[in-house]
N, C-alpha and C. Protein backbone atom coordinates (compact mmCIF):
# COMPACT_ATOMS: atom_id res chain seq x y z
N UNK A 1 30.82 -11.42 -7.38
CA UNK A 1 30.41 -10.88 -6.10
C UNK A 1 29.00 -10.29 -6.19
N UNK A 2 28.77 -9.48 -7.22
CA UNK A 2 27.45 -8.86 -7.35
C UNK A 2 26.35 -9.91 -7.52
N UNK A 3 26.68 -11.01 -8.19
CA UNK A 3 25.69 -12.06 -8.41
C UNK A 3 25.17 -12.64 -7.11
N UNK A 4 26.07 -12.92 -6.18
CA UNK A 4 25.64 -13.47 -4.89
C UNK A 4 24.82 -12.46 -4.10
N UNK A 5 25.19 -11.20 -4.20
CA UNK A 5 24.41 -10.15 -3.54
C UNK A 5 22.99 -10.14 -4.10
N UNK A 6 22.87 -10.22 -5.42
CA UNK A 6 21.55 -10.23 -6.06
C UNK A 6 20.75 -11.46 -5.62
N UNK A 7 21.40 -12.62 -5.59
CA UNK A 7 20.72 -13.86 -5.19
C UNK A 7 20.09 -13.71 -3.81
N UNK A 8 20.91 -13.35 -2.83
CA UNK A 8 20.41 -13.26 -1.45
C UNK A 8 19.47 -12.08 -1.26
N UNK A 9 19.73 -10.98 -1.93
CA UNK A 9 18.85 -9.82 -1.82
C UNK A 9 17.47 -10.13 -2.37
N UNK A 10 17.40 -10.86 -3.47
CA UNK A 10 16.10 -11.22 -4.04
C UNK A 10 15.33 -12.14 -3.10
N UNK A 11 16.03 -13.05 -2.44
CA UNK A 11 15.35 -13.91 -1.46
C UNK A 11 14.85 -13.07 -0.29
N UNK A 12 15.67 -12.15 0.17
CA UNK A 12 15.30 -11.32 1.32
C UNK A 12 14.13 -10.40 0.97
N UNK A 13 14.15 -9.84 -0.23
CA UNK A 13 13.08 -8.93 -0.66
C UNK A 13 11.87 -9.69 -1.22
N UNK A 14 11.98 -11.00 -1.29
CA UNK A 14 10.90 -11.87 -1.77
C UNK A 14 10.44 -11.49 -3.17
N UNK A 15 11.41 -11.18 -4.04
CA UNK A 15 11.12 -10.91 -5.44
C UNK A 15 10.46 -9.57 -5.74
N UNK A 16 10.54 -8.62 -4.83
CA UNK A 16 9.89 -7.32 -5.06
C UNK A 16 10.47 -6.62 -6.29
N UNK A 17 9.59 -5.90 -6.97
CA UNK A 17 9.99 -5.16 -8.16
C UNK A 17 9.52 -3.72 -8.06
N UNK A 18 10.04 -2.89 -8.94
CA UNK A 18 9.60 -1.51 -9.05
C UNK A 18 9.16 -1.29 -10.49
N UNK A 19 8.05 -0.60 -10.68
CA UNK A 19 7.52 -0.34 -12.02
C UNK A 19 8.11 0.95 -12.57
N UNK A 20 8.66 0.87 -13.76
CA UNK A 20 9.16 2.04 -14.48
C UNK A 20 8.52 1.98 -15.86
N UNK A 21 7.45 2.76 -16.02
CA UNK A 21 6.68 2.67 -17.26
C UNK A 21 6.04 1.30 -17.36
N UNK A 22 6.30 0.61 -18.45
CA UNK A 22 5.75 -0.74 -18.62
C UNK A 22 6.73 -1.81 -18.14
N UNK A 23 7.88 -1.40 -17.64
CA UNK A 23 8.90 -2.34 -17.17
C UNK A 23 8.72 -2.63 -15.69
N UNK A 24 8.96 -3.85 -15.31
CA UNK A 24 8.97 -4.25 -13.92
C UNK A 24 10.40 -4.66 -13.58
N UNK A 25 11.11 -3.83 -12.83
CA UNK A 25 12.53 -4.05 -12.57
C UNK A 25 12.71 -4.61 -11.15
N UNK A 26 13.39 -5.75 -11.03
CA UNK A 26 13.62 -6.33 -9.70
C UNK A 26 14.53 -5.42 -8.87
N UNK A 27 14.11 -5.14 -7.65
CA UNK A 27 14.94 -4.31 -6.77
C UNK A 27 16.27 -4.98 -6.47
N UNK A 28 16.26 -6.31 -6.42
CA UNK A 28 17.49 -7.04 -6.12
C UNK A 28 18.54 -6.88 -7.22
N UNK A 29 18.12 -6.53 -8.42
CA UNK A 29 19.07 -6.25 -9.51
C UNK A 29 19.37 -4.76 -9.57
N UNK A 30 18.35 -3.94 -9.40
CA UNK A 30 18.52 -2.49 -9.53
C UNK A 30 19.52 -1.93 -8.52
N UNK A 31 19.40 -2.31 -7.27
CA UNK A 31 20.27 -1.74 -6.24
C UNK A 31 21.74 -2.09 -6.46
N UNK A 32 22.10 -3.37 -6.67
CA UNK A 32 23.51 -3.66 -6.96
C UNK A 32 23.98 -3.08 -8.30
N UNK A 33 23.07 -2.96 -9.27
CA UNK A 33 23.46 -2.37 -10.55
C UNK A 33 23.84 -0.90 -10.37
N UNK A 34 23.15 -0.21 -9.48
CA UNK A 34 23.52 1.18 -9.17
C UNK A 34 24.91 1.23 -8.54
N UNK A 35 25.21 0.26 -7.67
CA UNK A 35 26.54 0.19 -7.06
C UNK A 35 27.61 -0.10 -8.12
N UNK A 36 27.33 -1.02 -9.03
CA UNK A 36 28.29 -1.35 -10.09
C UNK A 36 28.51 -0.16 -11.02
N UNK A 37 27.44 0.57 -11.30
CA UNK A 37 27.54 1.76 -12.15
C UNK A 37 28.38 2.83 -11.45
N UNK A 38 28.15 3.02 -10.16
CA UNK A 38 28.94 3.99 -9.39
C UNK A 38 30.41 3.59 -9.39
N UNK A 39 30.67 2.30 -9.27
CA UNK A 39 32.05 1.82 -9.27
C UNK A 39 32.73 2.12 -10.62
N UNK A 40 32.03 1.88 -11.71
CA UNK A 40 32.60 2.15 -13.03
C UNK A 40 32.83 3.65 -13.24
N UNK A 41 31.92 4.47 -12.74
CA UNK A 41 32.10 5.92 -12.86
C UNK A 41 33.32 6.36 -12.05
N UNK A 42 33.48 5.82 -10.85
CA UNK A 42 34.64 6.15 -10.02
C UNK A 42 35.93 5.70 -10.71
N UNK A 43 35.90 4.55 -11.36
CA UNK A 43 37.08 4.08 -12.08
C UNK A 43 37.42 5.00 -13.25
N UNK A 44 36.41 5.57 -13.87
CA UNK A 44 36.66 6.49 -14.99
C UNK A 44 37.39 7.75 -14.52
N UNK A 45 37.15 8.16 -13.29
CA UNK A 45 37.80 9.35 -12.75
C UNK A 45 39.21 9.07 -12.22
N UNK A 46 39.51 7.81 -11.96
CA UNK A 46 40.80 7.45 -11.38
C UNK A 46 41.88 7.37 -12.45
N UNK A 47 43.04 7.97 -12.19
CA UNK A 47 44.12 7.89 -13.18
C UNK A 47 44.77 6.51 -13.27
N UNK A 48 44.58 5.68 -12.27
CA UNK A 48 45.22 4.36 -12.26
C UNK A 48 44.24 3.22 -12.57
N UNK A 49 42.98 3.54 -12.81
CA UNK A 49 41.97 2.52 -13.14
C UNK A 49 41.33 2.88 -14.47
N UNK A 50 40.67 1.91 -15.07
CA UNK A 50 39.96 2.17 -16.32
C UNK A 50 38.52 1.69 -16.19
N UNK A 51 37.62 2.50 -16.66
CA UNK A 51 36.20 2.10 -16.70
C UNK A 51 36.00 1.24 -17.94
N UNK A 52 35.13 0.27 -17.82
CA UNK A 52 34.92 -0.63 -18.94
C UNK A 52 33.45 -0.99 -19.07
N UNK A 53 32.90 -0.74 -20.24
CA UNK A 53 31.52 -1.13 -20.51
C UNK A 53 31.40 -2.66 -20.49
N UNK A 54 32.45 -3.34 -20.91
CA UNK A 54 32.45 -4.81 -20.88
C UNK A 54 32.37 -5.31 -19.44
N UNK A 55 33.11 -4.69 -18.54
CA UNK A 55 33.08 -5.06 -17.12
C UNK A 55 31.69 -4.83 -16.55
N UNK A 56 31.10 -3.69 -16.85
CA UNK A 56 29.76 -3.37 -16.36
C UNK A 56 28.74 -4.35 -16.92
N UNK A 57 28.86 -4.68 -18.21
CA UNK A 57 27.95 -5.63 -18.85
C UNK A 57 28.09 -7.02 -18.23
N UNK A 58 29.32 -7.41 -17.93
CA UNK A 58 29.54 -8.70 -17.27
C UNK A 58 28.91 -8.73 -15.89
N UNK A 59 29.04 -7.63 -15.17
CA UNK A 59 28.37 -7.53 -13.86
C UNK A 59 26.87 -7.72 -14.02
N UNK A 60 26.28 -7.04 -15.00
CA UNK A 60 24.84 -7.13 -15.23
C UNK A 60 24.43 -8.55 -15.60
N UNK A 61 25.17 -9.20 -16.48
CA UNK A 61 24.84 -10.58 -16.86
C UNK A 61 24.91 -11.52 -15.67
N UNK A 62 25.93 -11.35 -14.83
CA UNK A 62 26.03 -12.16 -13.62
C UNK A 62 24.87 -11.91 -12.68
N UNK A 63 24.48 -10.66 -12.55
CA UNK A 63 23.34 -10.31 -11.70
C UNK A 63 22.06 -10.96 -12.22
N UNK A 64 21.84 -10.89 -13.53
CA UNK A 64 20.63 -11.48 -14.11
C UNK A 64 20.63 -13.00 -13.96
N UNK A 65 21.79 -13.62 -14.11
CA UNK A 65 21.88 -15.07 -13.94
C UNK A 65 21.52 -15.48 -12.51
N UNK A 66 22.13 -14.82 -11.52
CA UNK A 66 21.85 -15.18 -10.13
C UNK A 66 20.44 -14.77 -9.71
N UNK A 67 19.91 -13.72 -10.32
CA UNK A 67 18.52 -13.34 -10.06
C UNK A 67 17.58 -14.44 -10.54
N UNK A 68 17.87 -14.98 -11.74
CA UNK A 68 17.02 -16.06 -12.26
C UNK A 68 17.11 -17.30 -11.39
N UNK A 69 18.29 -17.59 -10.85
CA UNK A 69 18.42 -18.72 -9.92
C UNK A 69 17.59 -18.49 -8.66
N UNK A 70 17.63 -17.28 -8.14
CA UNK A 70 16.88 -17.00 -6.92
C UNK A 70 15.37 -17.04 -7.18
N UNK A 71 14.95 -16.65 -8.38
CA UNK A 71 13.52 -16.75 -8.73
C UNK A 71 13.08 -18.21 -8.73
N UNK A 72 13.92 -19.07 -9.30
CA UNK A 72 13.60 -20.51 -9.30
C UNK A 72 13.50 -21.03 -7.87
N UNK A 73 14.43 -20.59 -7.03
CA UNK A 73 14.43 -21.01 -5.63
C UNK A 73 13.15 -20.56 -4.94
N UNK A 74 12.76 -19.30 -5.16
CA UNK A 74 11.54 -18.77 -4.55
C UNK A 74 10.30 -19.52 -5.04
N UNK A 75 10.24 -19.81 -6.34
CA UNK A 75 9.09 -20.55 -6.88
C UNK A 75 9.01 -21.94 -6.28
N UNK A 76 10.15 -22.62 -6.17
CA UNK A 76 10.18 -23.96 -5.58
C UNK A 76 9.76 -23.90 -4.11
N UNK A 77 10.21 -22.88 -3.41
CA UNK A 77 9.85 -22.73 -2.00
C UNK A 77 8.35 -22.50 -1.86
N UNK A 78 7.79 -21.63 -2.71
CA UNK A 78 6.36 -21.35 -2.64
C UNK A 78 5.53 -22.56 -3.03
N UNK A 79 5.94 -23.30 -4.05
CA UNK A 79 5.17 -24.48 -4.45
C UNK A 79 5.27 -25.56 -3.39
N UNK A 80 6.39 -25.64 -2.69
CA UNK A 80 6.54 -26.60 -1.59
C UNK A 80 5.65 -26.24 -0.42
N UNK A 81 5.51 -24.95 -0.14
CA UNK A 81 4.65 -24.51 0.96
C UNK A 81 3.19 -24.79 0.63
N UNK A 82 2.79 -24.57 -0.62
CA UNK A 82 1.39 -24.81 -0.98
C UNK A 82 1.10 -26.30 -0.95
N UNK A 83 2.06 -27.11 -1.39
CA UNK A 83 1.85 -28.56 -1.35
C UNK A 83 1.76 -29.04 0.10
N UNK A 84 2.58 -28.49 0.98
CA UNK A 84 2.54 -28.87 2.39
C UNK A 84 1.25 -28.40 3.04
N UNK A 85 0.73 -27.27 2.59
CA UNK A 85 -0.51 -26.74 3.15
C UNK A 85 -1.73 -27.57 2.78
N UNK A 86 -1.64 -28.37 1.72
CA UNK A 86 -2.76 -29.20 1.29
C UNK A 86 -2.85 -30.51 2.05
N UNK A 87 -1.80 -30.88 2.76
CA UNK A 87 -1.80 -32.17 3.47
C UNK A 87 -2.76 -32.19 4.62
């Protein structure tokens, strides 16, 4: 679920990033990652749920995978627009 959110959010935000020191963090990953982190923290407080670093890591890997797909899509879209502009 988080992966699809990241994919569409990155397209909507057009690949915007935020600088943290020397790191450039995609907003499309950061925002859902905060939601996933909040979810894991809430699960840690719940007596009937368990928080899992593996679950959080899997969420992050899925987000990064779908973010990379959306980057490819954006690059293809931009290169198509530039090629069409040259005609």
